[in-house]
Protein backbone atom coordinates (compact mmCIF):
# COMPACT_ATOMS: atom_id res chain seq x y z
CA UNK A 1 -28.77 134.27 185.96
CA UNK A 2 -27.69 135.05 189.60
CA UNK A 3 -29.53 132.14 191.40
CA UNK A 4 -31.02 129.00 189.70
CA UNK A 5 -32.29 125.97 191.66
CA UNK A 6 -33.64 122.80 190.37
CA UNK A 7 -35.11 120.37 192.64
CA UNK A 8 -33.21 121.13 195.57
CA UNK A 9 -33.44 119.32 198.67
CA UNK A 10 -31.65 120.10 202.07
CA UNK A 11 -31.58 117.60 204.68
CA UNK A 12 -29.51 118.02 207.89
CA UNK A 13 -27.43 115.26 209.49
CA UNK A 14 -29.84 114.90 212.04
CA UNK A 15 -32.43 114.07 209.32
CA UNK A 16 -34.63 116.71 209.51
CA UNK A 17 -35.55 118.14 206.07
CA UNK A 18 -35.23 121.91 206.03
CA UNK A 19 -35.95 122.22 201.94
CA UNK A 20 -38.06 120.13 199.88
CA UNK A 21 -37.83 120.33 196.07
CA UNK A 22 -36.96 123.80 195.48
CA UNK A 23 -37.22 125.40 191.97
CA UNK A 24 -36.07 128.86 192.08
CA UNK A 25 -34.70 131.45 189.38
CA UNK A 26 -33.56 134.95 190.31
CA UNK A 27 -32.15 136.94 187.46
CA UNK A 28 -29.37 139.60 187.69
CA UNK A 29 -30.52 142.83 189.21
CA UNK A 30 -33.73 141.48 190.93
CA UNK A 31 -34.81 142.16 194.30
CA UNK A 32 -36.71 139.38 196.03
CA UNK A 33 -37.98 138.75 199.70
CA UNK A 34 -38.48 135.49 201.10
CA UNK A 35 -41.16 135.48 203.73
CA UNK A 36 -42.80 132.59 205.82
CA UNK A 37 -43.41 131.46 209.32
CA UNK A 38 -40.70 130.40 211.75
CA UNK A 39 -39.01 127.18 210.71
CA UNK A 40 -40.08 127.43 207.09
CA UNK A 41 -36.52 127.24 205.65
CA UNK A 42 -35.70 130.84 205.02
CA UNK A 43 -32.41 130.99 206.65
CA UNK A 44 -31.46 127.51 205.17
CA UNK A 45 -32.32 128.89 201.88
CA UNK A 46 -30.12 131.72 202.33
CA UNK A 47 -27.25 129.71 203.64
CA UNK A 48 -27.67 127.74 200.33
CA UNK A 49 -27.52 130.60 198.31
CA UNK A 50 -24.30 131.95 200.08
CA UNK A 51 -22.79 128.20 199.78
CA UNK A 52 -22.63 127.80 203.35
CA UNK A 53 -24.78 124.48 202.62
CA UNK A 54 -24.86 122.23 199.67
CA UNK A 55 -27.88 120.69 198.39
CA UNK A 56 -28.65 116.80 199.39
CA UNK A 57 -30.16 116.60 196.03
CA UNK A 58 -31.04 118.84 193.03
CA UNK A 59 -28.94 121.51 191.39
CA UNK A 60 -27.52 124.76 192.89
CA UNK A 61 -26.20 127.70 190.35
CA UNK A 62 -25.04 130.68 191.87
CA UNK A 63 -23.78 133.31 189.84
CA UNK A 64 -23.89 130.95 186.75
CA UNK A 65 -21.80 128.51 188.60
CA UNK A 66 -22.44 124.81 189.63
CA UNK A 67 -21.53 125.40 193.14
CA UNK A 68 -21.71 121.68 194.44
CA UNK A 69 -18.86 120.62 192.00
CA UNK A 70 -16.31 123.44 192.71
CA UNK A 71 -13.06 122.99 194.08
CA UNK A 72 -11.93 124.49 197.13
CA UNK A 73 -10.34 127.74 195.51
CA UNK A 74 -13.06 128.14 193.03
CA UNK A 75 -15.50 128.11 195.79
CA UNK A 76 -13.64 130.43 197.66
CA UNK A 77 -13.63 132.92 194.72
CA UNK A 78 -17.20 132.29 194.34
CA UNK A 79 -17.73 133.24 198.19
CA UNK A 80 -16.03 136.56 197.69
CA UNK A 81 -18.56 137.52 195.29
CA UNK A 82 -21.29 137.00 197.80
CA UNK A 83 -22.10 139.33 200.48
CA UNK A 84 -24.20 137.67 203.50
CA UNK A 85 -25.58 140.08 206.00
CA UNK A 86 -26.37 137.98 209.08
CA UNK A 87 -29.41 138.61 211.58
CA UNK A 88 -26.63 138.71 214.43
CA UNK A 89 -23.31 139.38 212.73
CA UNK A 90 -20.53 137.53 213.68
CA UNK A 91 -18.43 140.25 215.13
CA UNK A 92 -15.81 139.63 217.75
CA UNK A 93 -16.56 141.77 220.81
CA UNK A 94 -13.13 143.28 220.98
CA UNK A 95 -12.99 144.23 217.35
CA UNK A 96 -13.03 147.80 216.17
CA UNK A 97 -15.72 148.87 213.95
CA UNK A 98 -13.24 149.88 211.28
CA UNK A 99 -11.72 146.59 211.32
CA UNK A 100 -15.00 144.74 211.12
CA UNK A 101 -16.14 146.66 207.91
CA UNK A 102 -12.69 146.36 206.03
CA UNK A 103 -12.84 142.29 206.70
CA UNK A 104 -15.54 142.71 204.15
CA UNK A 105 -12.64 142.39 201.47
CA UNK A 106 -10.56 139.63 202.97
CA UNK A 107 -11.68 137.21 200.64
CA UNK A 108 -10.20 139.60 197.78
CA UNK A 109 -7.22 140.43 199.33
CA UNK A 110 -3.83 138.80 199.59
CA UNK A 111 -3.03 136.72 203.07
CA UNK A 112 -0.12 139.35 203.81
CA UNK A 113 -2.64 142.31 203.20
CA UNK A 114 -5.34 140.67 205.06
CA UNK A 115 -3.43 139.99 208.38
CA UNK A 116 -2.01 143.65 208.29
CA UNK A 117 -5.40 145.13 208.02
CA UNK A 118 -6.62 143.15 210.86
CA UNK A 119 -4.28 145.39 212.99
CA UNK A 120 -3.61 148.54 211.20
CA UNK A 121 -6.64 149.37 208.95
CA UNK A 122 -5.64 149.90 205.39
CA UNK A 123 -8.74 151.91 204.27
CA UNK A 124 -10.22 153.77 206.77
CA UNK A 125 -11.72 156.51 204.26
CA UNK A 126 -13.44 153.38 202.53
CA UNK A 127 -14.93 152.21 205.92
CA UNK A 128 -16.24 155.55 206.93
CA UNK A 129 -17.78 155.82 203.28
CA UNK A 130 -19.48 152.54 203.97
CA UNK A 131 -20.57 153.24 207.56
CA UNK A 132 -21.63 157.09 206.57
CA UNK A 133 -25.07 156.25 205.07
CA UNK A 134 -25.86 154.22 208.03
CA UNK A 135 -25.28 157.20 210.42
CA UNK A 136 -22.42 155.23 212.14
CA UNK A 137 -19.10 157.05 210.62
CA UNK A 138 -19.25 158.37 214.42
CA UNK A 139 -18.48 154.74 215.44
CA UNK A 140 -15.51 154.19 213.16
CA UNK A 141 -13.00 153.57 216.27
CA UNK A 142 -15.52 152.21 218.56
CA UNK A 143 -15.52 148.44 219.81
CA UNK A 144 -18.15 146.15 218.88
CA UNK A 145 -19.33 145.57 222.27
CA UNK A 146 -19.98 149.00 222.87
CA UNK A 147 -22.80 148.87 220.44
CA UNK A 148 -26.36 147.98 220.62
CA UNK A 149 -27.96 145.22 218.59
CA UNK A 150 -29.14 147.44 215.88
CA UNK A 151 -25.82 149.06 215.45
CA UNK A 152 -24.33 145.76 215.18
CA UNK A 153 -26.57 144.84 212.43
CA UNK A 154 -25.67 148.22 210.48
CA UNK A 155 -22.05 147.57 210.93
CA UNK A 156 -22.81 143.84 209.27
CA UNK A 157 -24.28 145.75 206.41
CA UNK A 158 -21.78 148.27 205.96
CA UNK A 159 -19.16 145.44 205.64
CA UNK A 160 -21.10 143.78 203.07
CA UNK A 161 -21.61 146.92 201.16
CA UNK A 162 -17.79 147.84 201.49
CA UNK A 163 -17.39 144.11 200.10
CA UNK A 164 -19.01 145.23 196.78
CA UNK A 165 -20.42 141.60 196.22
CA UNK A 166 -22.40 140.53 193.06
CA UNK A 167 -24.90 138.70 194.94
CA UNK A 168 -26.24 140.22 198.21
CA UNK A 169 -28.37 137.95 200.85
CA UNK A 170 -29.79 139.55 204.00
CA UNK A 171 -31.20 137.17 206.73
CA UNK A 172 -33.61 139.13 208.87
CA UNK A 173 -30.91 142.33 208.29
CA UNK A 174 -33.20 144.84 210.35
CA UNK A 175 -34.76 142.57 213.06
CA UNK A 176 -33.06 144.73 215.92
CA UNK A 177 -33.90 147.91 214.56
CA UNK A 178 -36.68 150.30 215.22
CA UNK A 179 -39.46 150.71 212.44
CA UNK A 180 -37.93 154.16 211.12
CA UNK A 181 -34.65 152.96 211.05
CA UNK A 182 -35.60 149.49 209.36
CA UNK A 183 -37.45 151.60 206.63
CA UNK A 184 -34.22 153.64 206.11
CA UNK A 185 -32.02 150.39 206.03
CA UNK A 186 -33.99 148.58 203.59
CA UNK A 187 -34.36 151.37 201.45
CA UNK A 188 -30.53 152.18 201.35
CA UNK A 189 -29.84 148.15 200.47
CA UNK A 190 -32.53 148.46 197.89
CA UNK A 191 -30.60 151.66 196.46
CA UNK A 192 -27.46 149.97 196.55
CA UNK A 193 -28.17 147.29 194.71
CA UNK A 194 -30.23 149.26 192.09
CA UNK A 195 -27.28 151.46 191.61
CA UNK A 196 -24.59 148.72 191.40
CA UNK A 197 -27.15 146.12 189.58
CA UNK A 198 -26.47 143.61 192.16
CA UNK A 199 -29.21 140.93 193.03
CA UNK A 200 -30.55 141.39 196.39
CA UNK A 201 -32.44 138.71 198.07
CA UNK A 202 -33.77 139.12 202.01
CA UNK A 203 -35.45 137.27 204.33
CA UNK A 204 -37.80 139.35 206.18
CA UNK A 205 -40.10 138.51 209.43
CA UNK A 206 -42.38 141.54 208.88
CA UNK A 207 -44.63 140.89 205.84
CA UNK A 208 -45.51 144.87 205.63
CA UNK A 209 -41.84 145.51 205.09
CA UNK A 210 -41.66 142.87 202.14
CA UNK A 211 -44.79 144.20 200.52
CA UNK A 212 -43.29 147.69 200.77
CA UNK A 213 -39.82 147.44 199.43
CA UNK A 214 -39.59 144.32 197.25
CA UNK A 215 -41.28 144.00 193.96
CA UNK A 216 -41.12 140.03 194.33
CA UNK A 217 -41.94 138.07 197.10
CA UNK A 218 -41.42 134.38 197.64
CA UNK A 219 -43.34 132.42 200.57
CA UNK A 220 -41.91 129.43 202.13
CA UNK A 221 -43.71 126.98 204.11
CA UNK A 222 -42.09 123.40 205.78
CA UNK A 223 -39.25 124.03 203.59
CA UNK A 224 -41.57 124.11 200.25
CA UNK A 225 -42.18 127.29 197.71
CA UNK A 226 -45.97 127.85 198.59
CA UNK A 227 -45.92 130.81 196.17
CA UNK A 228 -43.68 133.21 194.21
CA UNK A 229 -45.50 136.31 193.22
CA UNK A 230 -45.15 140.07 192.32
CA UNK A 231 -46.24 142.12 195.42
CA UNK A 232 -48.67 143.44 194.08
CA UNK A 233 -50.11 140.04 193.44
CA UNK A 234 -49.98 138.89 197.05
CA UNK A 235 -53.30 138.62 198.23
CA UNK A 236 -54.73 138.40 202.14
CA UNK A 237 -55.66 134.58 201.34
CA UNK A 238 -51.85 133.90 199.98
CA UNK A 239 -50.70 135.42 203.48
CA UNK A 240 -53.55 133.39 205.57
CA UNK A 241 -52.36 130.22 203.68
CA UNK A 242 -48.74 130.91 204.51
CA UNK A 243 -49.21 131.64 208.22
CA UNK A 244 -52.08 128.90 208.77
CA UNK A 245 -52.09 128.15 212.56
CA UNK A 246 -49.35 131.02 212.80
CA UNK A 247 -50.65 134.59 213.88
CA UNK A 248 -50.35 137.12 210.89
CA UNK A 249 -50.33 139.80 213.33
CA UNK A 250 -46.94 138.68 214.76
CA UNK A 251 -45.59 139.11 211.07
CA UNK A 252 -46.85 142.64 210.77
CA UNK A 253 -45.01 145.72 211.51
CA UNK A 254 -44.93 146.64 215.43
CA UNK A 255 -43.10 149.38 217.20
CA UNK A 256 -39.48 148.04 218.47
CA UNK A 257 -37.50 149.66 221.03
CA UNK A 258 -35.17 152.27 220.03
CA UNK A 259 -31.64 151.83 220.09
CA UNK A 260 -30.29 153.08 223.25
CA UNK A 261 -27.62 155.70 223.20
CA UNK A 262 -24.22 154.74 223.33
CA UNK A 263 -22.93 155.33 226.97
CA UNK A 264 -19.17 154.81 226.79
CA UNK A 265 -16.52 156.99 225.39
CA UNK A 266 -14.91 155.99 222.19
CA UNK A 267 -11.25 155.51 222.35
CA UNK A 268 -8.50 156.02 219.89
CA UNK A 269 -7.81 152.87 217.68
CA UNK A 270 -5.33 150.42 218.75
CA UNK A 271 -4.84 147.05 217.49
CA UNK A 272 -6.53 144.58 219.99
């Protein structure tokens, strides 16, 4: 089993209770979308699954390991098996795309190799292969500050694909992409997960995308699981209850502005 939560509650340092008594099971190879209004606890749940946060109470098992009792080295090994796609990838502006992608395996490499790769990319073909299906191979040596928001999201996805993790977590992975690109990118994530028999858990703002791309949906509201159902069993009444006092129309697909064409010239790679 990839994910198991038993009675998990998460209370932040300021006293805010982000998650309340969560019970959740996700088997190896499952593909699950987390949906719900803003403030429902979607990001907090993904951070728990990525072991960036630990529960205030309850049990959290990730990839068959009790995360909260692991020592530092064991926890680091577990995190190397988890790929987290951020809504706004934490990519240094001056970093080259090739370096950003190769950073996906820093947790698996020795310290000397990791340090060398930061300045002298050790697997340029591997980085290029990860970028190719995302239509970014031509940005291999571009700097991150030369990219649009949607392109940066795709670089973050390429980094996780290069990591070859056992558990893929995606926090609003296509929020900065136009509808066509969002469809393609989610399809690619699902295809890679299926081919590698990986578990994929994604939080999505757009309900239509979740219903089209994921066979199982978990609805969160006020930090609680409101429903956990196959996509074809999620009814309009479920969604109305989930988004009560919140316009459901805001969570349906709407045209987004296309990514602007890059205006800057790419330069040969140099360590920065």
